[in-house]
Protein backbone atom coordinates (compact mmCIF):
# COMPACT_ATOMS: atom_id res chain seq x y z
CA UNK A 1 0.00 0.00 0.00
CA UNK A 2 2.88 2.33 0.83
CA UNK A 3 4.36 1.90 -2.67
CA UNK A 4 1.00 2.41 -4.30
CA UNK A 5 0.61 5.78 -2.54
CA UNK A 6 4.14 6.80 -3.60
CA UNK A 7 3.50 5.85 -7.24
CA UNK A 8 0.16 7.68 -7.20
CA UNK A 9 1.81 10.78 -5.67
CA UNK A 10 4.61 10.80 -8.26
CA UNK A 11 2.08 10.38 -11.07
CA UNK A 12 0.00 13.33 -9.84
CA UNK A 13 3.04 15.57 -9.33
CA UNK A 14 4.48 14.55 -12.70
CA UNK A 15 1.35 15.57 -14.58
CA UNK A 16 1.54 19.20 -13.48
CA UNK A 17 3.61 21.54 -15.61
CA UNK A 18 6.25 23.70 -14.06
CA UNK A 19 6.63 27.23 -15.27
CA UNK A 20 8.12 30.24 -13.57
CA UNK A 21 10.05 33.23 -14.61
CA UNK A 22 11.70 36.26 -13.13
CA UNK A 23 9.38 38.36 -10.96
CA UNK A 24 7.94 41.46 -12.67
CA UNK A 25 9.59 43.69 -10.06
CA UNK A 26 13.00 42.38 -11.19
CA UNK A 27 12.23 43.07 -14.86
CA UNK A 28 11.12 46.57 -13.83
CA UNK A 29 14.37 47.07 -11.86
CA UNK A 30 16.41 46.07 -14.93
CA UNK A 31 14.40 48.42 -17.16
CA UNK A 32 14.76 51.41 -14.82
CA UNK A 33 18.51 50.85 -14.40
CA UNK A 34 19.15 50.45 -18.16
CA UNK A 35 21.64 53.08 -19.40
CA UNK A 36 19.71 53.54 -22.65
CA UNK A 37 15.93 53.98 -22.36
CA UNK A 38 14.57 54.63 -25.82
CA UNK A 39 11.72 54.26 -28.23
CA UNK A 40 12.93 52.71 -31.47
CA UNK A 41 11.67 51.93 -34.96
CA UNK A 42 13.08 48.72 -36.43
CA UNK A 43 14.36 49.44 -39.95
CA UNK A 44 15.84 45.99 -40.57
CA UNK A 45 15.81 42.70 -38.69
CA UNK A 46 18.28 39.97 -39.62
CA UNK A 47 18.32 36.53 -38.03
CA UNK A 48 20.83 33.72 -38.20
CA UNK A 49 19.92 30.29 -36.89
CA UNK A 50 22.27 27.38 -36.44
CA UNK A 51 21.38 23.80 -37.29
CA UNK A 52 20.28 21.76 -34.25
CA UNK A 53 20.39 24.81 -32.01
CA UNK A 54 17.71 26.63 -30.05
CA UNK A 55 19.61 29.90 -30.47
CA UNK A 56 18.96 32.55 -33.11
CA UNK A 57 21.34 35.47 -33.48
CA UNK A 58 19.43 38.69 -34.10
CA UNK A 59 20.75 41.94 -35.57
CA UNK A 60 18.50 44.98 -35.67
CA UNK A 61 19.15 48.23 -37.47
CA UNK A 62 16.99 50.80 -35.71
CA UNK A 63 16.23 54.49 -35.71
CA UNK A 64 15.73 56.32 -32.42
CA UNK A 65 12.18 57.72 -32.24
CA UNK A 66 12.55 59.27 -28.77
CA UNK A 67 15.00 59.24 -25.88
CA UNK A 68 14.05 58.95 -22.22
CA UNK A 69 17.63 58.50 -21.04
CA UNK A 70 20.93 57.87 -22.82
CA UNK A 71 24.32 57.30 -21.24
CA UNK A 72 26.00 57.40 -24.66
CA UNK A 73 24.36 60.61 -25.86
CA UNK A 74 21.89 59.16 -28.35
CA UNK A 75 19.29 61.52 -29.77
CA UNK A 76 16.14 61.32 -31.88
CA UNK A 77 16.91 60.30 -35.47
CA UNK A 78 20.17 58.47 -34.67
CA UNK A 79 20.57 55.01 -36.16
CA UNK A 80 22.14 52.21 -34.16
CA UNK A 81 22.68 48.46 -34.34
CA UNK A 82 21.27 46.15 -31.68
CA UNK A 83 22.50 42.55 -31.38
CA UNK A 84 21.32 39.73 -29.16
CA UNK A 85 20.52 36.02 -29.04
CA UNK A 86 16.97 34.70 -28.95
CA UNK A 87 16.80 31.30 -27.27
CA UNK A 88 13.78 29.14 -27.95
CA UNK A 89 13.02 27.80 -24.51
CA UNK A 90 11.95 24.17 -24.16
CA UNK A 91 8.35 23.37 -23.32
CA UNK A 92 7.51 23.89 -19.63
CA UNK A 93 10.59 26.08 -19.23
CA UNK A 94 11.15 27.43 -15.74
CA UNK A 95 13.33 30.50 -15.98
CA UNK A 96 13.68 33.90 -17.62
CA UNK A 97 11.69 34.52 -20.77
CA UNK A 98 13.42 34.77 -24.11
CA UNK A 99 14.13 38.11 -25.73
CA UNK A 100 11.62 38.29 -28.58
CA UNK A 101 12.72 38.70 -32.18
CA UNK A 102 11.70 42.18 -33.33
CA UNK A 103 10.23 42.52 -36.81
CA UNK A 104 10.89 45.20 -39.41
CA UNK A 105 8.52 48.16 -39.04
CA UNK A 106 7.95 47.65 -35.30
CA UNK A 107 8.01 50.72 -33.07
CA UNK A 108 8.72 49.74 -29.47
CA UNK A 109 10.35 50.70 -26.20
CA UNK A 110 13.94 49.56 -25.82
CA UNK A 111 16.04 49.18 -22.69
CA UNK A 112 19.62 48.77 -23.86
CA UNK A 113 23.27 49.16 -22.94
CA UNK A 114 26.32 49.73 -25.12
CA UNK A 115 28.69 46.77 -25.57
CA UNK A 116 32.18 48.08 -26.43
CA UNK A 117 33.37 44.61 -27.44
CA UNK A 118 30.86 44.20 -30.27
CA UNK A 119 30.42 47.98 -30.72
CA UNK A 120 26.65 47.49 -30.73
CA UNK A 121 23.82 47.93 -28.27
CA UNK A 122 22.51 44.91 -26.38
CA UNK A 123 19.34 44.26 -24.32
CA UNK A 124 19.65 45.39 -20.69
CA UNK A 125 16.41 43.93 -19.29
CA UNK A 126 16.43 40.37 -20.64
CA UNK A 127 12.99 39.33 -21.91
CA UNK A 128 11.52 42.74 -20.98
CA UNK A 129 14.05 44.74 -23.02
CA UNK A 130 11.50 45.54 -25.73
CA UNK A 131 8.42 45.85 -23.50
CA UNK A 132 6.89 49.10 -22.26
CA UNK A 133 8.07 50.12 -18.79
CA UNK A 134 6.50 47.74 -16.29
CA UNK A 135 4.32 49.65 -13.86
CA UNK A 136 3.67 47.95 -10.52
């Protein structure tokens, strides 16, 4: 009887899906502390996917529509390059959400930082880097 209860318990627990991500307050903290807080228009979106990989390299050419804050002195009308990796998370993923692939013609908020190594801008708020400021 003891084993039957254990098997039943494991079956019940195993049928529930597990999903969790970073708390919204943490995404908001990352957004507010981002050195570059902008609104951008995506002029070009290029993706590069590798065979048998969940990763897609994304390169965006964007124009700055408006500037909330800029540590590097960006202004409206400037054009910059944004690079990042989109990772397709496995089903029932428990962890931070993927940074979405932005499409050409999209106008969106952007929370970025400058990466001197690649000489491009990179997302500063993980999966919330292209979301409007999270209000709690």
